Amino acid sequence: MKYYLKVMKEYATFSGRARRKEYWMFQLFNLIIAIIWGVICGITGFPDLADLYSLVIILPSLAVGMRRMHDVGKSGWFILIPVYSFILAVSKGEEKENEYGKDPKANQN
């Protein structure tokens, strides 16, 4: 959950790098929250609220995706290439500083 909150705090930060753990934990918690929120909205009869969550989460999702691409040394635009961006998202990030910033794994466990 801490990675989900970290991404939400960096709501529209497209610069820098995001390690694999940050990206995938955000995606996991986003999926869980979306499912739970969708079920609650469906039961209560307010499906538009589920759409609202989707709109709110678009920007941080793109931002963390772009930062993930930066971690593997690619431009954030690679997030737009579906299969290749998935391959990059599961790839190990560069262990040294690159043009997008310092290695985010260097300071964390």
N, C-alpha and C. Protein backbone atom coordinates (compact mmCIF):
# COMPACT_ATOMS: atom_id res chain seq x y z
N MET A 1 0.82 -1.20 0.00
CA MET A 1 0.00 0.00 0.00
C MET A 1 0.87 1.27 0.00
N LYS A 2 2.09 1.14 0.57
CA LYS A 2 2.93 2.33 0.64
C LYS A 2 3.34 2.80 -0.76
N TYR A 3 3.50 1.86 -1.69
CA TYR A 3 3.87 2.25 -3.05
C TYR A 3 2.70 2.91 -3.77
N TYR A 4 1.48 2.45 -3.50
CA TYR A 4 0.29 3.08 -4.08
C TYR A 4 0.21 4.52 -3.60
N LEU A 5 0.40 4.72 -2.30
CA LEU A 5 0.34 6.08 -1.74
C LEU A 5 1.48 6.94 -2.25
N LYS A 6 2.66 6.33 -2.43
CA LYS A 6 3.81 7.08 -2.96
C LYS A 6 3.51 7.59 -4.37
N VAL A 7 2.93 6.72 -5.20
CA VAL A 7 2.58 7.13 -6.57
C VAL A 7 1.52 8.23 -6.53
N MET A 8 0.56 8.11 -5.64
CA MET A 8 -0.50 9.12 -5.56
C MET A 8 0.06 10.47 -5.07
N LYS A 9 1.08 10.43 -4.21
CA LYS A 9 1.71 11.68 -3.77
C LYS A 9 2.46 12.34 -4.91
N GLU A 10 3.03 11.53 -5.80
CA GLU A 10 3.74 12.04 -6.98
C GLU A 10 2.77 12.02 -8.16
N TYR A 11 1.58 12.54 -7.96
CA TYR A 11 0.42 12.41 -8.85
C TYR A 11 0.75 12.60 -10.33
N ALA A 12 1.43 13.64 -10.68
CA ALA A 12 1.72 13.92 -12.08
C ALA A 12 3.21 14.17 -12.30
N THR A 13 4.05 13.43 -11.60
CA THR A 13 5.49 13.56 -11.74
C THR A 13 5.96 12.58 -12.80
N PHE A 14 6.31 13.10 -13.95
CA PHE A 14 6.72 12.26 -15.07
C PHE A 14 8.23 12.13 -15.16
N SER A 15 8.96 12.86 -14.37
CA SER A 15 10.42 12.77 -14.40
C SER A 15 10.90 11.85 -13.28
N GLY A 16 12.09 11.34 -13.45
CA GLY A 16 12.64 10.44 -12.45
C GLY A 16 12.45 8.99 -12.85
N ARG A 17 12.66 8.11 -11.88
CA ARG A 17 12.62 6.68 -12.15
C ARG A 17 11.75 5.97 -11.11
N ALA A 18 11.13 4.88 -11.52
CA ALA A 18 10.32 4.05 -10.62
C ALA A 18 10.79 2.61 -10.76
N ARG A 19 11.12 2.01 -9.64
CA ARG A 19 11.58 0.63 -9.70
C ARG A 19 10.41 -0.33 -9.96
N ARG A 20 10.75 -1.56 -10.28
CA ARG A 20 9.72 -2.56 -10.60
C ARG A 20 8.72 -2.73 -9.48
N LYS A 21 9.21 -2.82 -8.26
CA LYS A 21 8.34 -3.05 -7.12
C LYS A 21 7.31 -1.93 -6.97
N GLU A 22 7.75 -0.71 -7.11
CA GLU A 22 6.83 0.43 -7.02
C GLU A 22 5.76 0.35 -8.10
N TYR A 23 6.17 0.08 -9.33
CA TYR A 23 5.23 0.02 -10.45
C TYR A 23 4.21 -1.10 -10.27
N TRP A 24 4.69 -2.30 -9.98
CA TRP A 24 3.78 -3.45 -9.91
C TRP A 24 2.92 -3.43 -8.65
N MET A 25 3.43 -2.92 -7.54
CA MET A 25 2.58 -2.82 -6.34
C MET A 25 1.50 -1.78 -6.56
N PHE A 26 1.82 -0.69 -7.25
CA PHE A 26 0.80 0.29 -7.59
C PHE A 26 -0.28 -0.35 -8.46
N GLN A 27 0.14 -1.10 -9.47
CA GLN A 27 -0.83 -1.74 -10.36
C GLN A 27 -1.71 -2.74 -9.61
N LEU A 28 -1.11 -3.50 -8.70
CA LEU A 28 -1.87 -4.48 -7.91
C LEU A 28 -2.92 -3.80 -7.04
N PHE A 29 -2.51 -2.80 -6.28
CA PHE A 29 -3.46 -2.11 -5.41
C PHE A 29 -4.49 -1.32 -6.21
N ASN A 30 -4.10 -0.79 -7.35
CA ASN A 30 -5.05 -0.11 -8.20
C ASN A 30 -6.12 -1.08 -8.68
N LEU A 31 -5.73 -2.28 -9.07
CA LEU A 31 -6.68 -3.29 -9.51
C LEU A 31 -7.63 -3.69 -8.38
N ILE A 32 -7.08 -3.93 -7.20
CA ILE A 32 -7.89 -4.31 -6.04
C ILE A 32 -8.90 -3.21 -5.70
N ILE A 33 -8.42 -1.98 -5.64
CA ILE A 33 -9.30 -0.85 -5.32
C ILE A 33 -10.36 -0.68 -6.40
N ALA A 34 -9.99 -0.81 -7.66
CA ALA A 34 -10.94 -0.65 -8.75
C ALA A 34 -12.04 -1.71 -8.69
N ILE A 35 -11.66 -2.94 -8.39
CA ILE A 35 -12.65 -4.02 -8.29
C ILE A 35 -13.60 -3.77 -7.13
N ILE A 36 -13.03 -3.47 -5.97
CA ILE A 36 -13.87 -3.23 -4.79
C ILE A 36 -14.78 -2.03 -5.03
N TRP A 37 -14.22 -0.95 -5.55
CA TRP A 37 -15.00 0.26 -5.81
C TRP A 37 -16.08 0.00 -6.85
N GLY A 38 -15.75 -0.79 -7.88
CA GLY A 38 -16.72 -1.12 -8.90
C GLY A 38 -17.88 -1.95 -8.35
N VAL A 39 -17.57 -2.90 -7.48
CA VAL A 39 -18.62 -3.71 -6.86
C VAL A 39 -19.51 -2.84 -5.98
N ILE A 40 -18.90 -2.00 -5.17
CA ILE A 40 -19.68 -1.12 -4.29
C ILE A 40 -20.57 -0.19 -5.12
N CYS A 41 -20.01 0.39 -6.17
CA CYS A 41 -20.80 1.28 -7.02
C CYS A 41 -21.91 0.53 -7.74
N GLY A 42 -21.65 -0.70 -8.15
CA GLY A 42 -22.67 -1.50 -8.81
C GLY A 42 -23.80 -1.87 -7.87
N ILE A 43 -23.47 -2.22 -6.63
CA ILE A 43 -24.49 -2.59 -5.65
C ILE A 43 -25.35 -1.39 -5.28
N THR A 44 -24.71 -0.25 -5.10
CA THR A 44 -25.46 0.95 -4.68
C THR A 44 -26.18 1.63 -5.85
N GLY A 45 -25.86 1.22 -7.07
CA GLY A 45 -26.54 1.80 -8.23
C GLY A 45 -25.94 3.10 -8.73
N PHE A 46 -24.67 3.35 -8.41
CA PHE A 46 -23.98 4.56 -8.87
C PHE A 46 -22.75 4.18 -9.71
N PRO A 47 -22.95 3.58 -10.90
CA PRO A 47 -21.79 3.15 -11.70
C PRO A 47 -20.92 4.30 -12.18
N ASP A 48 -21.46 5.51 -12.20
CA ASP A 48 -20.66 6.66 -12.65
C ASP A 48 -19.52 6.97 -11.69
N LEU A 49 -19.67 6.60 -10.42
CA LEU A 49 -18.59 6.83 -9.46
C LEU A 49 -17.37 5.95 -9.78
N ALA A 50 -17.62 4.76 -10.31
CA ALA A 50 -16.51 3.90 -10.73
C ALA A 50 -15.76 4.55 -11.90
N ASP A 51 -16.51 5.18 -12.80
CA ASP A 51 -15.87 5.89 -13.91
C ASP A 51 -15.05 7.07 -13.40
N LEU A 52 -15.52 7.71 -12.38
CA LEU A 52 -14.80 8.84 -11.78
C LEU A 52 -13.45 8.38 -11.24
N TYR A 53 -13.42 7.21 -10.56
CA TYR A 53 -12.15 6.67 -10.06
C TYR A 53 -11.19 6.43 -11.23
N SER A 54 -11.72 5.89 -12.32
CA SER A 54 -10.88 5.63 -13.50
C SER A 54 -10.27 6.92 -14.04
N LEU A 55 -11.04 7.97 -14.07
CA LEU A 55 -10.52 9.26 -14.54
C LEU A 55 -9.45 9.83 -13.61
N VAL A 56 -9.68 9.68 -12.31
CA VAL A 56 -8.73 10.21 -11.32
C VAL A 56 -7.40 9.46 -11.39
N ILE A 57 -7.43 8.18 -11.69
CA ILE A 57 -6.22 7.36 -11.62
C ILE A 57 -5.41 7.35 -12.93
N ILE A 58 -5.95 7.94 -14.00
CA ILE A 58 -5.24 7.92 -15.29
C ILE A 58 -3.89 8.61 -15.20
N LEU A 59 -3.84 9.79 -14.66
CA LEU A 59 -2.59 10.57 -14.61
C LEU A 59 -1.50 9.88 -13.79
N PRO A 60 -1.78 9.43 -12.56
CA PRO A 60 -0.73 8.74 -11.83
C PRO A 60 -0.30 7.43 -12.48
N SER A 61 -1.23 6.74 -13.16
CA SER A 61 -0.86 5.50 -13.86
C SER A 61 0.11 5.78 -15.00
N LEU A 62 -0.17 6.82 -15.76
CA LEU A 62 0.75 7.19 -16.84
C LEU A 62 2.09 7.65 -16.28
N ALA A 63 2.05 8.42 -15.20
CA ALA A 63 3.28 8.94 -14.61
C ALA A 63 4.18 7.82 -14.12
N VAL A 64 3.62 6.86 -13.38
CA VAL A 64 4.45 5.76 -12.87
C VAL A 64 4.92 4.87 -14.01
N GLY A 65 4.11 4.73 -15.05
CA GLY A 65 4.53 3.96 -16.22
C GLY A 65 5.70 4.61 -16.93
N MET A 66 5.64 5.91 -17.07
CA MET A 66 6.74 6.63 -17.72
C MET A 66 8.00 6.56 -16.86
N ARG A 67 7.84 6.71 -15.55
CA ARG A 67 9.01 6.60 -14.67
C ARG A 67 9.60 5.20 -14.72
N ARG A 68 8.75 4.18 -14.91
CA ARG A 68 9.23 2.80 -15.03
C ARG A 68 10.06 2.66 -16.31
N MET A 69 9.59 3.26 -17.39
CA MET A 69 10.35 3.21 -18.65
C MET A 69 11.69 3.91 -18.47
N HIS A 70 11.69 5.01 -17.72
CA HIS A 70 12.95 5.72 -17.46
C HIS A 70 13.92 4.84 -16.68
N ASP A 71 13.42 3.99 -15.80
CA ASP A 71 14.29 3.14 -14.98
C ASP A 71 15.05 2.14 -15.83
N VAL A 72 14.47 1.72 -16.95
CA VAL A 72 15.17 0.79 -17.83
C VAL A 72 15.94 1.53 -18.93
N GLY A 73 15.99 2.87 -18.83
CA GLY A 73 16.79 3.66 -19.74
C GLY A 73 16.09 4.03 -21.04
N LYS A 74 14.77 3.93 -21.07
CA LYS A 74 14.01 4.25 -22.27
C LYS A 74 13.19 5.52 -22.05
N SER A 75 12.78 6.11 -23.15
CA SER A 75 11.90 7.27 -23.09
C SER A 75 10.54 6.84 -22.57
N GLY A 76 9.85 7.75 -21.91
CA GLY A 76 8.52 7.46 -21.40
C GLY A 76 7.52 7.15 -22.48
N TRP A 77 7.79 7.57 -23.70
CA TRP A 77 6.89 7.32 -24.83
C TRP A 77 6.77 5.83 -25.14
N PHE A 78 7.72 5.03 -24.67
CA PHE A 78 7.66 3.59 -24.91
C PHE A 78 6.47 2.94 -24.22
N ILE A 79 5.85 3.64 -23.27
CA ILE A 79 4.66 3.13 -22.59
C ILE A 79 3.51 2.95 -23.59
N LEU A 80 3.58 3.62 -24.73
CA LEU A 80 2.52 3.54 -25.74
C LEU A 80 2.63 2.31 -26.64
N ILE A 81 3.71 1.55 -26.54
CA ILE A 81 3.89 0.34 -27.35
C ILE A 81 3.54 -0.86 -26.45
N PRO A 82 2.34 -1.43 -26.60
CA PRO A 82 1.80 -2.38 -25.63
C PRO A 82 2.70 -3.55 -25.23
N VAL A 83 3.10 -4.41 -26.14
CA VAL A 83 3.86 -5.60 -25.76
C VAL A 83 5.27 -5.23 -25.29
N TYR A 84 5.91 -4.33 -26.01
CA TYR A 84 7.27 -3.93 -25.66
C TYR A 84 7.31 -3.23 -24.30
N SER A 85 6.30 -2.39 -24.01
CA SER A 85 6.28 -1.71 -22.72
C SER A 85 6.10 -2.71 -21.58
N PHE A 86 5.34 -3.78 -21.82
CA PHE A 86 5.21 -4.82 -20.79
C PHE A 86 6.55 -5.51 -20.55
N ILE A 87 7.26 -5.81 -21.63
CA ILE A 87 8.59 -6.44 -21.50
C ILE A 87 9.52 -5.52 -20.71
N LEU A 88 9.48 -4.23 -21.02
CA LEU A 88 10.31 -3.27 -20.29
C LEU A 88 9.88 -3.16 -18.83
N ALA A 89 8.57 -3.22 -18.57
CA ALA A 89 8.06 -3.08 -17.20
C ALA A 89 8.50 -4.24 -16.31
N VAL A 90 8.70 -5.42 -16.88
CA VAL A 90 9.14 -6.56 -16.07
C VAL A 90 10.66 -6.70 -16.07
N SER A 91 11.35 -5.89 -16.89
CA SER A 91 12.81 -5.95 -16.95
C SER A 91 13.44 -5.25 -15.76
N LYS A 92 14.63 -5.70 -15.44
CA LYS A 92 15.39 -5.08 -14.37
C LYS A 92 15.85 -3.69 -14.80
N GLY A 93 15.76 -2.74 -13.89
CA GLY A 93 16.20 -1.38 -14.17
C GLY A 93 17.72 -1.27 -14.21
N GLU A 94 18.19 -0.19 -14.78
CA GLU A 94 19.63 0.05 -14.82
C GLU A 94 20.15 0.29 -13.41
N GLU A 95 21.24 -0.34 -13.06
CA GLU A 95 21.78 -0.26 -11.70
C GLU A 95 22.66 0.95 -11.48
N LYS A 96 22.79 1.75 -12.48
CA LYS A 96 23.60 2.96 -12.36
C LYS A 96 22.74 4.16 -12.67
N GLU A 97 23.28 5.33 -12.42
CA GLU A 97 22.56 6.55 -12.77
C GLU A 97 22.45 6.63 -14.28
N ASN A 98 21.28 7.02 -14.76
CA ASN A 98 21.11 7.22 -16.20
C ASN A 98 20.63 8.65 -16.45
N GLU A 99 20.27 8.95 -17.66
CA GLU A 99 19.88 10.34 -18.00
C GLU A 99 18.61 10.78 -17.30
N TYR A 100 17.86 9.84 -16.70
CA TYR A 100 16.61 10.17 -16.04
C TYR A 100 16.74 10.30 -14.52
N GLY A 101 17.89 9.98 -13.99
CA GLY A 101 18.11 10.15 -12.56
C GLY A 101 18.90 9.02 -11.94
N LYS A 102 18.99 9.08 -10.62
CA LYS A 102 19.73 8.06 -9.87
C LYS A 102 18.92 6.78 -9.77
N ASP A 103 19.64 5.70 -9.49
CA ASP A 103 19.01 4.39 -9.31
C ASP A 103 18.11 4.42 -8.07
N PRO A 104 16.79 4.23 -8.22
CA PRO A 104 15.89 4.31 -7.04
C PRO A 104 16.10 3.14 -6.09
N LYS A 105 16.69 2.07 -6.56
CA LYS A 105 16.91 0.90 -5.71
C LYS A 105 18.14 1.07 -4.82
N ALA A 106 18.99 2.03 -5.15
CA ALA A 106 20.22 2.22 -4.39
C ALA A 106 19.94 2.63 -2.93
N ASN A 107 18.86 3.37 -2.68
CA ASN A 107 18.55 3.86 -1.33
C ASN A 107 17.55 2.96 -0.61
N GLN A 108 16.91 2.04 -1.33
CA GLN A 108 15.85 1.22 -0.73
C GLN A 108 16.29 -0.22 -0.62
N ASN A 109 15.48 -0.99 0.13
CA ASN A 109 15.78 -2.44 0.28
C ASN A 109 15.21 -3.22 -0.86
